Every structure is written in C-alpha cells, then in structure tokens.
Amino acid sequence: MGKAKSRNLNRHINDKFKYMTRESALESVVKNMDNKDAIIDTITLFDFTAEDMLEAGAEYEDVMALGGLIR
C-alpha cells in the first residue's frame, strides 16, 4: 500500500466529532469533567449552559469552576 492511501485510511480514526450529537457531547463533557482542557472545545462548540450540564448530572462545583466559559 502506498503512503497516500495509508494516510487517507488513517486520517479520520481519531475524529471525535464525526458523529457527535448534542446529547452524546453533553455525556462526554460530564464524564470527563476532571480534564478541563479536553472539554473546553466541546463546551464552546455546542454552547452548553450551566443548566444543561447540571441536568445531565455534573457536580455544581465543577460547573462553577468553568467560570466564563458557560452562560
């Protein structure tokens, strides 16, 4: 297999936004609340509010720690 073909096959293996819905993104944010750097992009992309995250099961202290990222 040539270099270009193997690159094209491996290009989208780590594409986490390929089939992400708003609900699945919210679940992943709540699950990965400890890793703030990993969830910042998802929060801003889907424009989650504090109410959305609290209803999904996030801890109040974790949501308030995000500060200006959420409405």
N, C-alpha and C. Protein backbone atom coordinates (compact mmCIF):
# COMPACT_ATOMS: atom_id res chain seq x y z
N MET A 1 0.85 -1.17 0.00
CA MET A 1 0.00 0.00 0.00
C MET A 1 0.90 1.23 0.00
N GLY A 2 0.53 2.20 -0.81
CA GLY A 2 1.32 3.42 -0.90
C GLY A 2 1.12 4.34 0.31
N LYS A 3 2.00 5.32 0.39
CA LYS A 3 1.94 6.24 1.53
C LYS A 3 0.64 7.03 1.56
N ALA A 4 0.20 7.52 0.42
CA ALA A 4 -1.00 8.36 0.37
C ALA A 4 -2.24 7.57 0.77
N LYS A 5 -2.34 6.34 0.30
CA LYS A 5 -3.51 5.53 0.63
C LYS A 5 -3.55 5.19 2.12
N SER A 6 -2.42 4.86 2.70
CA SER A 6 -2.41 4.55 4.13
C SER A 6 -2.70 5.79 4.97
N ARG A 7 -2.25 6.95 4.50
CA ARG A 7 -2.57 8.20 5.21
C ARG A 7 -4.06 8.49 5.15
N ASN A 8 -4.68 8.28 4.00
CA ASN A 8 -6.12 8.53 3.87
C ASN A 8 -6.93 7.56 4.73
N LEU A 9 -6.49 6.34 4.85
CA LEU A 9 -7.22 5.38 5.66
C LEU A 9 -7.10 5.71 7.15
N ASN A 10 -5.98 6.24 7.58
CA ASN A 10 -5.75 6.53 8.99
C ASN A 10 -6.13 7.96 9.38
N ARG A 11 -6.55 8.76 8.46
CA ARG A 11 -6.78 10.17 8.73
C ARG A 11 -7.89 10.41 9.74
N HIS A 12 -9.00 9.71 9.63
CA HIS A 12 -10.17 10.01 10.46
C HIS A 12 -10.38 9.02 11.59
N ILE A 13 -9.37 8.29 11.97
CA ILE A 13 -9.51 7.33 13.07
C ILE A 13 -9.80 8.06 14.37
N ASN A 14 -9.13 9.17 14.63
CA ASN A 14 -9.28 9.90 15.89
C ASN A 14 -10.22 11.09 15.77
N ASP A 15 -11.08 11.12 14.78
CA ASP A 15 -12.01 12.23 14.57
C ASP A 15 -13.19 12.07 15.51
N LYS A 16 -13.16 12.74 16.65
CA LYS A 16 -14.19 12.53 17.66
C LYS A 16 -15.48 13.28 17.37
N PHE A 17 -15.49 14.22 16.45
CA PHE A 17 -16.70 14.97 16.15
C PHE A 17 -17.42 14.46 14.92
N LYS A 18 -17.07 13.30 14.43
CA LYS A 18 -17.67 12.80 13.20
C LYS A 18 -19.15 12.53 13.36
N TYR A 19 -19.55 11.86 14.40
CA TYR A 19 -20.96 11.52 14.60
C TYR A 19 -21.44 11.97 15.98
N MET A 20 -20.93 13.07 16.48
CA MET A 20 -21.27 13.50 17.83
C MET A 20 -22.55 14.33 17.79
N THR A 21 -23.54 13.90 18.55
CA THR A 21 -24.76 14.68 18.69
C THR A 21 -24.65 15.54 19.94
N ARG A 22 -25.60 16.41 20.13
CA ARG A 22 -25.58 17.29 21.30
C ARG A 22 -25.67 16.48 22.58
N GLU A 23 -26.50 15.45 22.59
CA GLU A 23 -26.66 14.61 23.77
C GLU A 23 -25.39 13.82 24.09
N SER A 24 -24.77 13.25 23.06
CA SER A 24 -23.55 12.48 23.31
C SER A 24 -22.40 13.40 23.71
N ALA A 25 -22.38 14.62 23.18
CA ALA A 25 -21.35 15.58 23.58
C ALA A 25 -21.53 15.98 25.04
N LEU A 26 -22.77 16.15 25.46
CA LEU A 26 -23.04 16.51 26.85
C LEU A 26 -22.65 15.38 27.79
N GLU A 27 -22.90 14.14 27.40
CA GLU A 27 -22.49 12.99 28.20
C GLU A 27 -20.96 12.93 28.32
N SER A 28 -20.26 13.20 27.23
CA SER A 28 -18.80 13.15 27.27
C SER A 28 -18.23 14.29 28.12
N VAL A 29 -18.88 15.45 28.12
CA VAL A 29 -18.42 16.56 28.95
C VAL A 29 -18.59 16.21 30.42
N VAL A 30 -19.74 15.66 30.79
CA VAL A 30 -19.99 15.31 32.19
C VAL A 30 -19.05 14.21 32.64
N LYS A 31 -18.79 13.25 31.77
CA LYS A 31 -17.92 12.13 32.11
C LYS A 31 -16.46 12.57 32.28
N ASN A 32 -16.01 13.53 31.48
CA ASN A 32 -14.62 13.98 31.51
C ASN A 32 -14.44 15.30 32.22
N MET A 33 -15.24 15.58 33.21
CA MET A 33 -15.21 16.86 33.91
C MET A 33 -13.87 17.12 34.60
N ASP A 34 -13.12 16.08 34.94
CA ASP A 34 -11.83 16.26 35.60
C ASP A 34 -10.77 16.83 34.66
N ASN A 35 -10.89 16.54 33.38
CA ASN A 35 -9.92 17.01 32.39
C ASN A 35 -10.49 18.24 31.69
N LYS A 36 -10.31 19.40 32.30
CA LYS A 36 -10.92 20.64 31.81
C LYS A 36 -10.41 21.03 30.41
N ASP A 37 -9.14 20.76 30.14
CA ASP A 37 -8.59 21.13 28.83
C ASP A 37 -9.26 20.38 27.69
N ALA A 38 -9.67 19.14 27.94
CA ALA A 38 -10.28 18.33 26.89
C ALA A 38 -11.73 18.71 26.62
N ILE A 39 -12.42 19.30 27.59
CA ILE A 39 -13.85 19.58 27.40
C ILE A 39 -14.14 21.01 27.00
N ILE A 40 -13.16 21.89 27.05
CA ILE A 40 -13.40 23.29 26.72
C ILE A 40 -13.88 23.44 25.28
N ASP A 41 -13.25 22.74 24.34
CA ASP A 41 -13.65 22.83 22.94
C ASP A 41 -15.07 22.33 22.72
N THR A 42 -15.42 21.26 23.38
CA THR A 42 -16.77 20.70 23.22
C THR A 42 -17.82 21.65 23.80
N ILE A 43 -17.53 22.24 24.94
CA ILE A 43 -18.48 23.16 25.56
C ILE A 43 -18.72 24.38 24.67
N THR A 44 -17.66 24.93 24.12
CA THR A 44 -17.82 26.12 23.28
C THR A 44 -18.42 25.77 21.93
N LEU A 45 -18.15 24.59 21.41
CA LEU A 45 -18.71 24.20 20.12
C LEU A 45 -20.22 24.02 20.20
N PHE A 46 -20.70 23.36 21.24
CA PHE A 46 -22.13 23.10 21.38
C PHE A 46 -22.84 24.16 22.21
N ASP A 47 -22.13 25.14 22.75
CA ASP A 47 -22.69 26.24 23.53
C ASP A 47 -23.56 25.74 24.67
N PHE A 48 -22.98 24.89 25.50
CA PHE A 48 -23.70 24.37 26.66
C PHE A 48 -23.86 25.44 27.72
N THR A 49 -25.00 25.41 28.39
CA THR A 49 -25.22 26.30 29.52
C THR A 49 -24.96 25.53 30.80
N ALA A 50 -24.88 26.26 31.91
CA ALA A 50 -24.69 25.61 33.20
C ALA A 50 -25.89 24.72 33.52
N GLU A 51 -27.06 25.17 33.15
CA GLU A 51 -28.27 24.39 33.41
C GLU A 51 -28.25 23.06 32.67
N ASP A 52 -27.78 23.07 31.41
CA ASP A 52 -27.67 21.83 30.64
C ASP A 52 -26.77 20.83 31.32
N MET A 53 -25.62 21.29 31.78
CA MET A 53 -24.66 20.39 32.39
C MET A 53 -25.13 19.88 33.74
N LEU A 54 -25.79 20.74 34.52
CA LEU A 54 -26.29 20.30 35.81
C LEU A 54 -27.42 19.28 35.66
N GLU A 55 -28.28 19.46 34.66
CA GLU A 55 -29.36 18.50 34.42
C GLU A 55 -28.81 17.16 33.94
N ALA A 56 -27.64 17.19 33.28
CA ALA A 56 -27.03 15.95 32.79
C ALA A 56 -26.30 15.20 33.89
N GLY A 57 -26.13 15.82 35.07
CA GLY A 57 -25.53 15.11 36.18
C GLY A 57 -24.18 15.60 36.63
N ALA A 58 -23.75 16.76 36.14
CA ALA A 58 -22.45 17.30 36.56
C ALA A 58 -22.57 17.88 37.97
N GLU A 59 -21.47 17.88 38.69
CA GLU A 59 -21.43 18.46 40.03
C GLU A 59 -21.45 19.99 39.92
N TYR A 60 -22.12 20.63 40.88
CA TYR A 60 -22.26 22.08 40.89
C TYR A 60 -20.89 22.78 40.95
N GLU A 61 -20.01 22.27 41.78
CA GLU A 61 -18.69 22.88 41.94
C GLU A 61 -17.87 22.81 40.65
N ASP A 62 -17.98 21.67 39.93
CA ASP A 62 -17.24 21.53 38.68
C ASP A 62 -17.75 22.49 37.62
N VAL A 63 -19.06 22.68 37.57
CA VAL A 63 -19.65 23.58 36.58
C VAL A 63 -19.25 25.02 36.89
N MET A 64 -19.29 25.40 38.15
CA MET A 64 -18.93 26.77 38.52
C MET A 64 -17.43 27.03 38.35
N ALA A 65 -16.62 26.00 38.36
CA ALA A 65 -15.19 26.16 38.16
C ALA A 65 -14.87 26.54 36.70
N LEU A 66 -15.79 26.26 35.78
CA LEU A 66 -15.58 26.63 34.38
C LEU A 66 -15.72 28.13 34.17
N GLY A 67 -16.40 28.80 35.08
CA GLY A 67 -16.47 30.25 35.07
C GLY A 67 -17.06 30.87 33.82
N GLY A 68 -16.25 31.65 33.11
CA GLY A 68 -16.73 32.42 31.96
C GLY A 68 -16.99 31.63 30.70
N LEU A 69 -16.72 30.34 30.71
CA LEU A 69 -16.97 29.54 29.50
C LEU A 69 -18.44 29.26 29.27
N ILE A 70 -19.20 29.28 30.34
CA ILE A 70 -20.61 28.91 30.23
C ILE A 70 -21.50 30.09 30.59
N ARG A 71 -22.71 30.05 30.06
CA ARG A 71 -23.69 31.08 30.38
C ARG A 71 -24.50 30.66 31.57
